[in-house]
Protein backbone atom coordinates (compact mmCIF):
# COMPACT_ATOMS: atom_id res chain seq x y z
CA UNK A 1 -12.42 4.37 24.63
CA UNK A 2 -9.72 1.98 26.04
CA UNK A 3 -6.37 2.52 24.30
CA UNK A 4 -5.06 -0.28 22.93
CA UNK A 5 -3.15 -1.44 19.12
CA UNK A 6 -5.92 -2.38 16.40
CA UNK A 7 -5.34 -5.51 14.26
CA UNK A 8 -2.45 -4.73 11.47
CA UNK A 9 -5.23 -6.92 9.61
CA UNK A 10 -7.52 -4.51 9.85
CA UNK A 11 -5.46 -1.22 9.06
CA UNK A 12 -4.88 -3.17 6.29
CA UNK A 13 -7.82 -3.86 5.11
CA UNK A 14 -9.57 -0.34 5.12
CA UNK A 15 -6.14 0.98 2.85
CA UNK A 16 -6.68 -1.43 0.61
CA UNK A 17 -10.58 -0.12 0.14
CA UNK A 18 -9.49 3.08 -0.05
CA UNK A 19 -6.40 2.05 -2.36
CA UNK A 20 -9.15 0.76 -4.54
CA UNK A 21 -11.13 3.69 -5.13
CA UNK A 22 -8.19 5.58 -5.55
CA UNK A 23 -7.89 3.06 -8.68
CA UNK A 24 -11.26 3.29 -9.79
CA UNK A 25 -11.29 7.22 -10.20
CA UNK A 26 -9.32 10.19 -12.05
CA UNK A 27 -11.64 13.07 -10.32
CA UNK A 28 -8.50 14.85 -8.88
CA UNK A 29 -11.29 16.25 -6.07
CA UNK A 30 -12.06 13.12 -5.38
CA UNK A 31 -8.47 11.68 -4.76
CA UNK A 32 -7.56 14.52 -3.28
CA UNK A 33 -10.14 13.59 -0.58
CA UNK A 34 -9.44 10.15 0.08
CA UNK A 35 -5.46 11.20 0.75
CA UNK A 36 -6.83 13.51 3.08
CA UNK A 37 -9.23 11.03 4.73
CA UNK A 38 -5.74 8.57 4.95
CA UNK A 39 -3.39 11.29 6.71
CA UNK A 40 -6.64 12.21 9.16
CA UNK A 41 -6.73 8.69 10.01
CA UNK A 42 -2.71 8.06 10.14
CA UNK A 43 -2.39 11.35 12.35
CA UNK A 44 -5.03 10.20 14.55
CA UNK A 45 -4.05 6.51 15.36
CA UNK A 46 -0.27 6.12 14.33
CA UNK A 47 1.91 5.18 17.11
CA UNK A 48 5.38 5.92 17.84
CA UNK A 49 6.91 2.40 17.10
CA UNK A 50 9.87 2.77 14.07
CA UNK A 51 7.42 1.93 11.16
CA UNK A 52 4.86 4.70 11.80
CA UNK A 53 7.89 7.41 11.62
CA UNK A 54 7.91 6.55 7.54
CA UNK A 55 4.81 8.02 6.40
CA UNK A 56 6.11 11.68 5.51
CA UNK A 57 8.00 9.47 3.65
CA UNK A 58 5.42 8.09 1.60
CA UNK A 59 3.93 11.42 1.24
CA UNK A 60 7.26 12.88 -0.11
CA UNK A 61 7.53 9.82 -2.90
CA UNK A 62 3.66 10.56 -3.53
CA UNK A 63 4.37 14.26 -4.63
CA UNK A 64 7.47 13.32 -6.94
CA UNK A 65 5.59 10.71 -8.40
CA UNK A 66 3.33 13.96 -9.69
CA UNK A 67 5.89 16.11 -10.84
CA UNK A 68 7.27 13.28 -13.03
CA UNK A 69 4.28 12.26 -14.50
CA UNK A 70 3.14 16.28 -15.03
CA UNK A 71 7.17 16.82 -16.80
CA UNK A 72 6.73 13.48 -18.39
CA UNK A 73 3.51 14.72 -20.65
CA UNK A 74 5.63 18.41 -20.80
CA UNK A 75 8.54 16.28 -22.42
CA UNK A 76 6.48 13.55 -24.54
CA UNK A 77 2.82 15.34 -24.52
CA UNK A 78 2.11 16.70 -27.55
CA UNK A 79 -0.53 19.03 -28.69
CA UNK A 80 -3.86 16.99 -27.18
CA UNK A 81 -5.92 20.72 -26.23
CA UNK A 82 -6.50 23.35 -28.25
CA UNK A 83 -5.37 25.87 -25.61
CA UNK A 84 -1.78 26.02 -25.32
CA UNK A 85 -0.19 27.31 -22.65
CA UNK A 86 3.15 27.54 -22.87
CA UNK A 87 5.39 26.89 -26.74
CA UNK A 88 8.97 25.47 -26.20
CA UNK A 89 11.89 24.67 -28.48
CA UNK A 90 10.98 21.29 -29.90
CA UNK A 91 13.49 18.93 -30.99
CA UNK A 92 14.04 17.38 -33.98
CA UNK A 93 14.20 13.38 -33.86
CA UNK A 94 15.12 10.98 -36.95
CA UNK A 95 11.78 8.82 -38.91
CA UNK A 96 12.70 6.11 -36.90
CA UNK A 97 10.80 7.97 -34.00
CA UNK A 98 7.91 9.54 -35.49
CA UNK A 99 5.15 9.79 -33.63
CA UNK A 100 6.83 10.94 -30.59
CA UNK A 101 7.67 14.37 -29.64
CA UNK A 102 10.28 16.20 -27.39
CA UNK A 103 8.92 19.70 -25.84
CA UNK A 104 7.08 21.66 -28.10
CA UNK A 105 3.37 23.10 -27.53
CA UNK A 106 2.34 22.36 -23.61
CA UNK A 107 -1.43 22.55 -23.71
CA UNK A 108 -3.78 22.43 -20.84
CA UNK A 109 -5.23 19.14 -21.38
CA UNK A 110 -1.29 17.28 -21.34
CA UNK A 111 -1.05 18.83 -17.81
CA UNK A 112 -4.62 18.31 -16.85
CA UNK A 113 -3.89 14.62 -17.89
CA UNK A 114 -0.32 13.96 -16.23
CA UNK A 115 -1.93 15.58 -13.39
CA UNK A 116 -4.80 13.10 -13.01
CA UNK A 117 -2.45 10.31 -13.86
CA UNK A 118 0.06 11.01 -11.14
CA UNK A 119 -2.51 11.97 -8.70
CA UNK A 120 -4.01 9.13 -9.08
CA UNK A 121 -0.79 6.98 -8.31
CA UNK A 122 -0.10 8.85 -5.64
CA UNK A 123 -3.02 8.34 -3.40
CA UNK A 124 -2.33 4.38 -4.20
CA UNK A 125 0.92 5.39 -2.74
CA UNK A 126 -0.39 7.05 0.25
CA UNK A 127 -2.76 4.54 1.32
CA UNK A 128 -0.12 1.68 1.69
CA UNK A 129 1.97 4.12 3.15
CA UNK A 130 -0.88 4.10 5.48
CA UNK A 131 -1.00 0.88 6.23
CA UNK A 132 2.42 0.37 6.45
CA UNK A 133 2.42 3.30 9.31
CA UNK A 134 -0.26 1.94 10.92
CA UNK A 135 0.05 -2.17 11.17
CA UNK A 136 2.48 -3.45 13.29
CA UNK A 137 4.28 -5.83 10.43
CA UNK A 138 5.60 -7.99 13.07
CA UNK A 139 1.73 -8.44 13.96
CA UNK A 140 0.60 -9.12 10.88
CA UNK A 141 3.34 -11.91 10.10
CA UNK A 142 1.99 -13.19 13.57
CA UNK A 143 -1.09 -13.12 12.56
CA UNK A 144 -1.62 -14.81 8.59
CA UNK A 145 -2.73 -18.07 8.31
CA UNK A 146 -0.33 -21.30 8.28
CA UNK A 147 -0.36 -21.45 4.64
CA UNK A 148 1.12 -17.74 3.67
CA UNK A 149 3.78 -18.65 6.57
CA UNK A 150 6.75 -18.38 4.37
CA UNK A 151 5.03 -15.72 1.91
CA UNK A 152 3.95 -13.99 4.35
CA UNK A 153 7.65 -13.67 6.02
CA UNK A 154 8.84 -12.29 2.71
CA UNK A 155 6.12 -9.73 2.30
CA UNK A 156 6.86 -8.73 6.13
CA UNK A 157 10.21 -8.32 5.79
CA UNK A 158 9.85 -6.13 2.59
CA UNK A 159 7.39 -3.82 3.71
CA UNK A 160 10.11 -3.20 7.18
CA UNK A 161 12.97 -1.90 4.69
CA UNK A 162 11.31 1.11 4.12
CA UNK A 163 10.16 1.52 7.76
CA UNK A 164 14.14 1.19 8.81
CA UNK A 165 15.18 3.07 6.34
CA UNK A 166 13.56 5.97 7.61
CA UNK A 167 14.64 5.33 11.72
CA UNK A 168 18.28 5.11 9.93
CA UNK A 169 18.77 8.42 8.62
CA UNK A 170 17.19 9.59 11.64
CA UNK A 171 19.49 7.81 14.06
CA UNK A 172 22.09 8.70 11.85
CA UNK A 173 21.21 12.36 11.85
CA UNK A 174 21.00 12.82 14.85
CA UNK A 175 24.25 10.88 15.96
CA UNK A 176 26.14 13.69 13.25
CA UNK A 177 24.49 16.19 14.90
CA UNK A 178 26.16 15.63 18.17
CA UNK A 179 29.17 15.67 16.41
CA UNK A 180 28.34 19.33 15.24
CA UNK A 181 27.81 18.11 11.49
CA UNK A 182 25.37 20.51 10.39
CA UNK A 183 23.79 17.50 8.12
CA UNK A 184 22.85 19.57 5.19
CA UNK A 185 23.89 19.85 1.48
CA UNK A 186 24.90 16.97 -1.11
CA UNK A 187 28.29 16.26 0.79
CA UNK A 188 26.13 15.72 3.96
CA UNK A 189 23.84 13.58 1.88
CA UNK A 190 26.90 11.20 0.91
CA UNK A 191 28.55 10.78 4.31
CA UNK A 192 24.93 9.82 5.85
CA UNK A 193 23.87 7.65 2.93
CA UNK A 194 27.03 5.18 3.50
CA UNK A 195 25.83 4.58 7.60
CA UNK A 196 22.55 4.47 6.58
CA UNK A 197 23.11 1.04 4.14
CA UNK A 198 25.41 -0.49 6.67
CA UNK A 199 22.68 -0.10 9.53
CA UNK A 200 19.88 -1.26 7.46
CA UNK A 201 21.92 -3.56 6.33
CA UNK A 202 23.00 -4.68 9.93
CA UNK A 203 19.33 -4.96 11.23
CA UNK A 204 17.93 -6.83 7.87
CA UNK A 205 20.92 -9.74 9.14
CA UNK A 206 19.83 -9.79 12.73
CA UNK A 207 16.39 -9.92 12.23
CA UNK A 208 17.07 -12.80 9.54
CA UNK A 209 18.86 -14.56 12.38
CA UNK A 210 16.24 -13.37 15.11
CA UNK A 211 13.29 -15.05 12.67
CA UNK A 212 15.60 -18.29 11.76
CA UNK A 213 16.15 -18.91 15.36
CA UNK A 214 12.34 -18.94 15.99
CA UNK A 215 11.92 -21.49 13.72
CA UNK A 216 10.49 -19.21 10.65
CA UNK A 217 10.32 -20.35 7.31
CA UNK A 218 10.20 -24.89 8.16
CA UNK A 219 8.85 -26.86 6.20
CA UNK A 220 8.05 -29.18 8.75
CA UNK A 221 7.22 -32.74 8.67
CA UNK A 222 5.25 -33.23 5.31
CA UNK A 223 6.35 -35.94 2.97
CA UNK A 224 6.52 -36.18 -0.65
CA UNK A 225 3.16 -37.36 -1.57
CA UNK A 226 1.71 -34.70 0.71
CA UNK A 227 3.96 -31.86 -1.43
CA UNK A 228 2.62 -32.96 -4.84
CA UNK A 229 -0.79 -33.07 -4.12
CA UNK A 230 -0.69 -29.34 -2.35
CA UNK A 231 1.80 -27.98 -5.27
CA UNK A 232 -1.20 -29.73 -7.65
CA UNK A 233 -4.37 -28.33 -5.40
CA UNK A 234 -2.37 -24.61 -5.26
CA UNK A 235 -1.90 -25.45 -9.51
CA UNK A 236 -5.56 -26.09 -10.23
CA UNK A 237 -7.26 -23.78 -7.90
CA UNK A 238 -4.88 -21.15 -9.93
CA UNK A 239 -5.93 -21.75 -13.27
CA UNK A 240 -9.81 -22.18 -12.32
CA UNK A 241 -9.56 -18.58 -10.88
CA UNK A 242 -7.69 -17.65 -14.15
CA UNK A 243 -10.10 -19.09 -16.47
CA UNK A 244 -13.09 -17.70 -14.29
CA UNK A 245 -11.12 -13.91 -13.95
CA UNK A 246 -10.33 -13.61 -17.59
CA UNK A 247 -14.55 -15.08 -18.72
CA UNK A 248 -15.59 -12.38 -16.48
CA UNK A 249 -13.64 -9.53 -17.96
CA UNK A 250 -14.26 -11.45 -21.32
CA UNK A 251 -17.70 -9.79 -22.87
CA UNK A 252 -17.28 -12.34 -25.82
CA UNK A 253 -16.18 -15.00 -23.68
CA UNK A 254 -18.72 -18.19 -22.68
CA UNK A 255 -20.94 -16.88 -19.58
CA UNK A 256 -20.90 -20.78 -18.40
CA UNK A 257 -17.69 -20.42 -17.61
CA UNK A 258 -17.46 -17.98 -15.29
CA UNK A 259 -19.31 -18.84 -12.24
CA UNK A 260 -18.15 -22.54 -12.46
CA UNK A 261 -14.87 -21.85 -12.90
CA UNK A 262 -14.58 -19.46 -10.24
CA UNK A 263 -16.77 -21.36 -7.61
CA UNK A 264 -14.12 -24.73 -8.73
CA UNK A 265 -11.12 -22.39 -8.43
CA UNK A 266 -11.95 -20.79 -5.18
CA UNK A 267 -12.66 -24.60 -3.57
CA UNK A 268 -9.47 -26.37 -5.14
CA UNK A 269 -7.45 -23.05 -3.81
CA UNK A 270 -8.76 -23.05 -0.50
CA UNK A 271 -7.96 -27.20 -0.81
CA UNK A 272 -4.79 -26.17 -1.30
CA UNK A 273 -4.17 -24.12 1.23
CA UNK A 274 -5.58 -26.03 3.84
CA UNK A 275 -3.61 -28.31 2.40
CA UNK A 276 -0.06 -26.43 3.27
CA UNK A 277 -1.41 -24.97 6.25
CA UNK A 278 -0.56 -28.44 7.97
CA UNK A 279 3.16 -28.64 7.09
CA UNK A 280 3.54 -25.70 8.99
CA UNK A 281 4.06 -25.82 12.03
CA UNK A 282 4.02 -22.94 14.76
CA UNK A 283 2.46 -21.66 17.62
CA UNK A 284 1.15 -18.29 18.58
CA UNK A 285 1.03 -16.54 22.24
CA UNK A 286 -1.68 -14.36 22.89
CA UNK A 287 -2.97 -13.81 19.06
CA UNK A 288 -4.72 -10.44 18.06
CA UNK A 289 -9.05 -10.66 18.89
CA UNK A 290 -11.06 -9.04 15.96
CA UNK A 291 -13.30 -7.25 17.90
CA UNK A 292 -15.81 -3.93 17.49
CA UNK A 293 -13.53 -1.47 16.19
CA UNK A 294 -11.31 -3.97 13.49
CA UNK A 295 -14.68 -4.58 12.00
CA UNK A 296 -15.55 -1.17 11.77
CA UNK A 297 -12.35 -0.29 10.05
CA UNK A 298 -12.23 -3.10 7.77
CA UNK A 299 -15.87 -2.11 6.81
CA UNK A 300 -15.14 1.45 6.10
CA UNK A 301 -12.09 0.21 4.15
CA UNK A 302 -14.85 -2.21 1.74
CA UNK A 303 -17.67 0.82 1.73
CA UNK A 304 -15.07 3.30 0.27
CA UNK A 305 -14.43 1.03 -2.48
CA UNK A 306 -17.74 -0.12 -3.50
CA UNK A 307 -18.96 3.42 -3.58
CA UNK A 308 -16.87 4.94 -6.02
CA UNK A 309 -16.86 2.06 -8.04
CA UNK A 310 -20.33 2.08 -8.19
CA UNK A 311 -20.32 6.23 -9.08
CA UNK A 312 -21.67 7.48 -12.88
CA UNK A 313 -18.62 7.68 -14.97
CA UNK A 314 -18.87 11.17 -15.58
CA UNK A 315 -17.56 11.97 -12.17
CA UNK A 316 -15.33 8.54 -11.63
CA UNK A 317 -13.47 9.82 -15.03
CA UNK A 318 -14.40 13.84 -16.10
CA UNK A 319 -13.21 15.01 -19.16
CA UNK A 320 -9.69 17.39 -18.93
CA UNK A 321 -12.01 20.30 -20.52
CA UNK A 322 -14.46 20.49 -18.08
CA UNK A 323 -14.83 21.00 -14.28
CA UNK A 324 -14.67 17.60 -12.58
CA UNK A 325 -17.70 17.07 -10.46
CA UNK A 326 -18.78 15.39 -7.25
CA UNK A 327 -21.39 13.58 -6.46
CA UNK A 328 -23.60 12.35 -2.75
CA UNK A 329 -22.12 8.84 -2.94
CA UNK A 330 -18.34 9.87 -3.57
CA UNK A 331 -18.74 12.59 -1.07
CA UNK A 332 -20.51 9.68 1.72
CA UNK A 333 -17.40 7.22 0.71
CA UNK A 334 -14.71 10.10 1.94
CA UNK A 335 -16.24 10.27 4.99
CA UNK A 336 -16.46 6.66 5.59
CA UNK A 337 -12.90 6.54 5.05
CA UNK A 338 -12.22 9.02 7.74
CA UNK A 339 -14.77 7.80 10.79
CA UNK A 340 -11.81 5.23 11.48
CA UNK A 341 -10.09 8.17 12.96
CA UNK A 342 -12.91 8.75 15.68
CA UNK A 343 -14.36 5.19 16.07
CA UNK A 344 -11.35 3.21 16.75
CA UNK A 345 -9.24 2.69 20.01
CA UNK A 346 -6.05 5.19 19.72
CA UNK A 347 -2.70 3.18 19.90
CA UNK A 348 -1.22 2.68 22.84
CA UNK A 349 1.73 4.92 22.83
CA UNK A 350 5.14 3.69 23.86
CA UNK A 351 5.42 6.19 26.92
CA UNK A 352 1.97 4.57 28.09
CA UNK A 353 3.84 1.49 28.08
CA UNK A 354 6.58 2.48 29.98
CA UNK A 355 4.73 3.99 32.53
CA UNK A 356 2.87 0.58 32.91
CA UNK A 357 6.11 -1.49 32.88
CA UNK A 358 7.29 0.83 35.85
CA UNK A 359 4.52 0.40 37.55
CA UNK A 360 4.03 -3.25 37.73
CA UNK A 361 8.00 -3.08 38.55
CA UNK A 362 7.16 -1.35 41.51
């Protein structure tokens, strides 16, 4: 396949599908397989851009979350099982803290419960990190509909902070290494934090100035009446969606509220988005197309979430006293999640861009 950059929206839909699948299960085998599928796709399809260098930080964050969750269950766990692995000295608490136990017996159920919960959150973090690694945040902002322009600007800036910090850390460490600083230990960490924060702040200010010069955040020429109409439509759509979703989740609510409120909320919200998009004036230069590869990546994420959501409760939420089981739909979901590593075109690396630029110059 010819190398090209995939649409950032396709990567986000794929990653959100995997994150949805991870949030719908506590099976450790399924969660580990989802993490492995996300890592495989990232290794196969990430670029050399600055935001693509921060994926390992998400992996470190995921490992930290698992560790903290297990330690939390050890410190505040209590005896929830009959197999005691180790007995720690218990710290007595006053009567006001009745029901809370510090340390004491650590059971297998406590450890497995903390491990399962931490692994689920870690899998979601890795999936979001995969999307932030594979998708170009600036191209994502350019691909958003006009109604989400101002909100999308805030989200893109927030998403680009973590990759900018990773790039700043690498640049500062290389500069200190050239000066003979080994860059290890707590003392080196203190010497790195201030330059990194200063560099990230300078880059954020430069990004804000560049966005302001290009017209980001301008409200257009909408009148006061048009703005009020847009606000009423958005509020009405949100109210309809909230009532419909509440009626859908609450089995005691009248069933006749579900479909009418959802449909009315979607229609009113869509009208509000169209009205909000009219006051945002922007032009697009070479918009990213949606091709077969984008549709394949998006379908893989949706199929993964659907298969995991429809699996049996015994597989999705295994008991803590039995060995978790796998099923054919779950294995098929993980296999589908890893398909973008093979069915999407490889990205255009920075070295390839430089070669093409030199050929065009000559």
